[in-house]
Amino acid sequence: MSVQKVALITASSAGLGAQIARVFAPDFRIVINYSSNKSRAESLVEELTSVPSTHPSPASPRFHLLQADVSSKPSVQNLVAETIKTMGRLDVVVSNAGWTRMTNFLNLDEGVNDDDWDRCFLMNVKTHLWLAYAAKDALTESEGAFISTASVAGVKPSGSSLPYAVTKAAQIHLAKGLAVILAPRVRVNSVSPGMMLTEWGLKFPESKRVKAVENTKLKRLATVEDVAEQVRVLAVSRSVTGQNLCIDGGSSL
């Protein structure tokens, strides 16, 4: 009988992370990670328990909740250790945390804030490296997958801020580097959504959201559903590594 695989999804109590959990729920046992909003994370787990499992005899626990501050290296290490201790294995890591501050991208005075650069580099690059490093042995054992959520801002200079765009480009290159280093047993890829109307995306002014739609070739924004489905494809595909999937309606073309 096949062993049911385990996925750890960071920043997964809402938005894209929560949708990835919904897409994974039928086939995977899942660790939901949240930073501070415990009640929101608990209500997601409650929702997921009603999703039928495709596995004939799902192991217990099917879902598990772990708090972690992913801007802290020891906290990231502990998150992985607790996941393996509770679930017994680890097959897929979706590194979904990130940070930005809304600025005018074209205003360089707003793009030279040292605090923004430091925070963006921490949350868009280093935390993903820490998570991959902490999970590498377990993923090697399971011949698993590591997928990080980058952004189309890392492919085409755009988005909420210059430090965000530059660190997202670094995140994409980090995934490629890890794909080389962790081969042949671990697959590493990234997804780069265009603007999504999540809690985060709705912080953009309406004029920018309208323009974002106009800038796509398909005249539609990516949705969390679109992106989550692609993350699942990368999780289960045995032949893809070192790739960055732009899910952006063609805005980067």
Protein backbone atom coordinates (compact mmCIF):
# COMPACT_ATOMS: atom_id res chain seq x y z
CA MET A 1 0.00 0.00 0.00
CA SER A 2 1.34 3.46 -0.86
CA VAL A 3 2.36 5.68 2.03
CA GLN A 4 0.44 8.94 2.24
CA LYS A 5 2.73 11.87 1.58
CA VAL A 6 3.19 14.87 3.89
CA ALA A 7 3.30 18.52 2.83
CA LEU A 8 4.44 21.49 4.91
CA ILE A 9 3.03 24.81 3.68
CA THR A 10 4.34 28.01 5.27
CA ALA A 11 2.18 31.12 5.66
CA SER A 12 -0.83 28.97 4.91
CA SER A 13 -3.64 30.26 7.11
CA ALA A 14 -5.04 32.55 4.37
CA GLY A 15 -4.71 33.65 0.75
CA LEU A 16 -2.59 31.56 -1.60
CA GLY A 17 -1.19 29.33 1.16
CA ALA A 18 -4.69 28.33 2.30
CA GLN A 19 -5.75 27.58 -1.28
CA ILE A 20 -2.66 25.40 -1.79
CA ALA A 21 -3.69 23.49 1.35
CA ARG A 22 -7.20 22.98 -0.09
CA VAL A 23 -5.76 21.62 -3.34
CA PHE A 24 -3.38 19.28 -1.48
CA ALA A 25 -5.93 18.12 1.11
CA PRO A 26 -7.41 15.11 -0.75
CA ASP A 27 -4.01 13.46 -1.39
CA PHE A 28 -1.61 14.75 1.27
CA ARG A 29 -1.34 14.99 5.01
CA ILE A 30 -0.64 18.65 5.68
CA VAL A 31 1.07 20.88 8.21
CA ILE A 32 -0.47 24.36 8.22
CA ASN A 33 1.89 27.07 9.43
CA TYR A 34 0.76 30.46 10.69
CA SER A 35 2.57 33.45 12.17
CA SER A 36 0.07 35.04 14.59
CA ASN A 37 -3.56 34.49 13.57
CA LYS A 38 -4.29 31.20 15.31
CA SER A 39 -8.10 31.35 15.01
CA ARG A 40 -7.90 31.83 11.23
CA ALA A 41 -5.54 28.85 10.96
CA GLU A 42 -7.82 26.72 13.15
CA SER A 43 -10.85 27.51 11.02
CA LEU A 44 -8.91 26.46 7.90
CA VAL A 45 -8.00 23.11 9.48
CA GLU A 46 -11.66 22.66 10.44
CA GLU A 47 -12.62 23.29 6.79
CA LEU A 48 -9.96 20.86 5.51
CA THR A 49 -11.13 18.01 7.72
CA SER A 50 -14.37 17.90 5.71
CA VAL A 51 -12.43 17.28 2.46
CA PRO A 52 -12.60 13.56 1.60
CA SER A 53 -9.23 11.80 1.49
CA THR A 54 -8.29 9.79 -1.60
CA HIS A 55 -6.10 7.56 0.56
CA PRO A 56 -7.81 4.31 1.64
CA SER A 57 -6.63 4.63 5.24
CA PRO A 58 -5.26 8.12 6.00
CA ALA A 59 -2.74 8.16 8.82
CA SER A 60 -3.23 10.35 11.86
CA PRO A 61 -2.98 13.26 12.22
CA ARG A 62 -4.21 14.19 8.77
CA PHE A 63 -3.73 17.91 9.46
CA HIS A 64 -1.52 19.63 11.98
CA LEU A 65 -1.11 23.26 12.97
CA LEU A 66 2.26 24.83 13.80
CA GLN A 67 3.03 28.43 14.71
CA ALA A 68 6.38 29.78 13.52
CA ASP A 69 8.01 33.10 12.85
CA VAL A 70 9.74 32.35 9.56
CA SER A 71 11.91 35.48 9.87
CA SER A 72 13.79 33.58 12.61
CA LYS A 73 16.22 30.84 11.60
CA PRO A 74 15.77 28.77 14.81
CA SER A 75 12.00 29.05 14.38
CA VAL A 76 12.25 27.70 10.80
CA GLN A 77 14.48 24.84 11.97
CA ASN A 78 12.02 24.01 14.75
CA LEU A 79 9.09 24.11 12.30
CA VAL A 80 10.68 21.40 10.17
CA ALA A 81 11.73 19.32 13.18
CA GLU A 82 8.20 19.46 14.67
CA THR A 83 6.67 18.57 11.29
CA ILE A 84 8.80 15.44 10.98
CA LYS A 85 8.28 14.52 14.65
CA THR A 86 4.48 14.77 14.35
CA MET A 87 3.92 13.47 10.80
CA GLY A 88 6.77 10.97 10.57
CA ARG A 89 8.03 12.11 7.16
CA LEU A 90 8.18 15.08 4.79
CA ASP A 91 7.63 14.91 1.03
CA VAL A 92 6.74 18.43 -0.13
CA VAL A 93 7.63 21.86 1.24
CA VAL A 94 5.80 24.90 -0.11
CA SER A 95 7.76 27.95 1.02
CA ASN A 96 5.09 30.59 0.71
CA ALA A 97 6.20 33.41 3.03
CA GLY A 98 7.16 36.82 1.67
CA TRP A 99 7.12 40.52 2.47
CA THR A 100 6.85 43.89 0.81
CA ARG A 101 5.92 47.48 1.56
CA MET A 102 3.70 49.31 -0.90
CA THR A 103 5.63 52.10 -2.64
CA ASN A 104 5.66 53.84 -6.00
CA PHE A 105 8.04 51.58 -7.97
CA LEU A 106 9.05 54.46 -10.27
CA ASN A 107 10.05 56.75 -7.38
CA LEU A 108 13.69 55.92 -6.60
CA ASP A 109 13.56 57.97 -3.38
CA GLU A 110 11.07 55.37 -2.11
CA GLY A 111 13.26 52.53 -3.40
CA VAL A 112 16.33 53.22 -1.28
CA ASN A 113 14.90 52.52 2.17
CA ASP A 114 17.48 50.34 3.95
CA ASP A 115 14.87 48.78 6.25
CA ASP A 116 12.84 47.68 3.23
CA TRP A 117 15.90 46.10 1.60
CA ASP A 118 16.86 44.24 4.78
CA ARG A 119 13.32 43.00 5.46
CA CYS A 120 12.75 42.01 1.82
CA PHE A 121 16.03 40.09 1.67
CA LEU A 122 15.21 38.32 4.93
CA MET A 123 11.66 37.35 3.96
CA ASN A 124 12.05 36.81 0.21
CA VAL A 125 15.44 35.07 0.15
CA LYS A 126 16.94 33.95 3.46
CA THR A 127 13.83 32.33 4.95
CA HIS A 128 13.48 30.12 1.84
CA LEU A 129 17.13 29.10 2.09
CA TRP A 130 16.77 28.27 5.80
CA LEU A 131 13.66 26.20 5.12
CA ALA A 132 15.25 24.27 2.24
CA TYR A 133 18.35 23.60 4.32
CA ALA A 134 16.33 22.41 7.33
CA ALA A 135 14.20 20.12 5.15
CA LYS A 136 16.88 18.79 2.78
CA ASP A 137 17.59 15.51 4.58
CA ALA A 138 13.91 14.57 4.89
CA LEU A 139 13.22 15.57 1.29
CA THR A 140 16.26 13.60 0.09
CA GLU A 141 14.95 10.54 1.91
CA SER A 142 11.48 10.87 0.37
CA GLU A 143 12.73 12.07 -3.05
CA GLY A 144 10.52 15.08 -2.46
CA ALA A 145 9.90 18.56 -3.79
CA PHE A 146 10.56 22.10 -2.59
CA ILE A 147 8.48 24.87 -4.17
CA SER A 148 8.79 28.55 -3.32
CA THR A 149 6.34 31.35 -4.09
CA ALA A 150 8.18 34.13 -5.91
CA SER A 151 6.58 36.83 -8.09
CA VAL A 152 6.43 38.09 -11.65
CA ALA A 153 8.09 41.21 -10.15
CA GLY A 154 11.24 39.06 -9.99
CA VAL A 155 11.06 38.43 -13.75
CA LYS A 156 9.93 41.82 -15.05
CA PRO A 157 10.94 44.89 -12.98
CA SER A 158 7.58 45.91 -11.51
CA GLY A 159 5.40 45.51 -8.46
CA SER A 160 5.19 47.05 -5.03
CA SER A 161 8.81 48.16 -4.61
CA LEU A 162 12.32 47.95 -6.04
CA PRO A 163 13.66 45.91 -3.10
CA TYR A 164 10.75 43.49 -3.50
CA ALA A 165 11.40 43.01 -7.22
CA VAL A 166 15.16 42.54 -6.75
CA THR A 167 14.80 40.06 -3.87
CA LYS A 168 12.14 38.10 -5.75
CA ALA A 169 14.62 37.79 -8.64
CA ALA A 170 17.12 36.51 -6.08
CA GLN A 171 14.54 34.05 -4.76
CA ILE A 172 13.99 32.64 -8.26
CA HIS A 173 17.75 32.23 -8.74
CA LEU A 174 18.04 30.66 -5.28
CA ALA A 175 15.52 27.99 -6.35
CA LYS A 176 17.59 27.27 -9.47
CA GLY A 177 20.75 27.03 -7.37
CA LEU A 178 19.09 24.67 -4.91
CA ALA A 179 17.79 22.57 -7.82
CA VAL A 180 21.41 22.04 -8.93
CA ILE A 181 22.71 21.37 -5.42
CA LEU A 182 19.93 19.04 -4.21
CA ALA A 183 19.65 16.98 -7.42
CA PRO A 184 19.05 14.21 -8.20
CA ARG A 185 16.82 13.30 -5.26
CA VAL A 186 15.05 16.62 -4.54
CA ARG A 187 13.22 18.74 -7.11
CA VAL A 188 13.21 22.51 -6.54
CA ASN A 189 11.01 24.96 -8.44
CA SER A 190 9.34 28.33 -7.99
CA VAL A 191 6.05 29.88 -9.05
CA SER A 192 5.79 33.55 -9.98
CA PRO A 193 2.22 34.81 -9.80
CA GLY A 194 1.20 38.11 -11.28
CA MET A 195 -1.02 40.34 -9.19
CA MET A 196 -3.68 38.32 -7.33
CA LEU A 197 -6.60 39.93 -5.54
CA THR A 198 -5.72 38.46 -2.17
CA GLU A 199 -5.66 40.49 1.05
CA TRP A 200 -2.22 41.57 -0.13
CA GLY A 201 -3.15 42.40 -3.74
CA LEU A 202 -6.14 44.46 -2.63
CA LYS A 203 -3.76 46.90 -0.97
CA PHE A 204 -2.87 48.22 -4.43
CA PRO A 205 -4.95 51.23 -5.50
CA GLU A 206 -7.81 50.37 -7.88
CA SER A 207 -6.13 52.25 -10.75
CA LYS A 208 -3.08 49.96 -10.45
CA ARG A 209 -5.30 46.86 -10.36
CA VAL A 210 -7.14 47.95 -13.51
CA LYS A 211 -3.82 48.63 -15.23
CA ALA A 212 -2.53 45.22 -14.16
CA VAL A 213 -5.44 43.54 -15.97
CA GLU A 214 -4.80 45.67 -19.07
CA ASN A 215 -1.11 44.65 -19.01
CA THR A 216 -1.95 40.94 -19.27
CA LYS A 217 -2.31 39.22 -22.64
CA LEU A 218 -5.31 37.21 -21.39
CA LYS A 219 -7.04 40.28 -19.89
CA ARG A 220 -7.37 38.54 -16.55
CA LEU A 221 -5.36 38.39 -13.35
CA ALA A 222 -4.03 35.16 -11.94
CA THR A 223 -6.20 33.69 -9.20
CA VAL A 224 -5.11 31.82 -6.08
CA GLU A 225 -6.90 28.79 -7.57
CA ASP A 226 -4.77 28.95 -10.76
CA VAL A 227 -1.54 29.27 -8.80
CA ALA A 228 -2.39 26.55 -6.27
CA GLU A 229 -3.13 24.07 -9.08
CA GLN A 230 0.29 24.76 -10.60
CA VAL A 231 1.99 24.27 -7.23
CA ARG A 232 0.35 20.85 -7.01
CA VAL A 233 1.61 19.99 -10.52
CA LEU A 234 5.17 20.85 -9.43
CA ALA A 235 4.72 18.80 -6.25
CA VAL A 236 3.74 15.62 -8.07
CA SER A 237 5.75 15.89 -11.31
CA ARG A 238 8.87 13.70 -11.27
CA SER A 239 10.56 15.43 -14.22
CA VAL A 240 10.61 19.15 -13.46
CA THR A 241 13.33 20.96 -11.53
CA GLY A 242 14.98 24.38 -11.61
CA GLN A 243 11.97 25.99 -13.28
CA ASN A 244 10.14 29.23 -12.53
CA LEU A 245 6.50 29.15 -13.60
CA CYS A 246 5.05 32.56 -14.43
CA ILE A 247 1.32 32.49 -13.75
CA ASP A 248 0.54 36.03 -14.82
CA GLY A 249 -1.90 36.08 -17.72
CA GLY A 250 1.07 36.79 -19.97
CA SER A 251 1.97 40.13 -18.37
CA SER A 252 5.69 39.33 -18.44
CA LEU A 253 5.71 38.67 -22.19
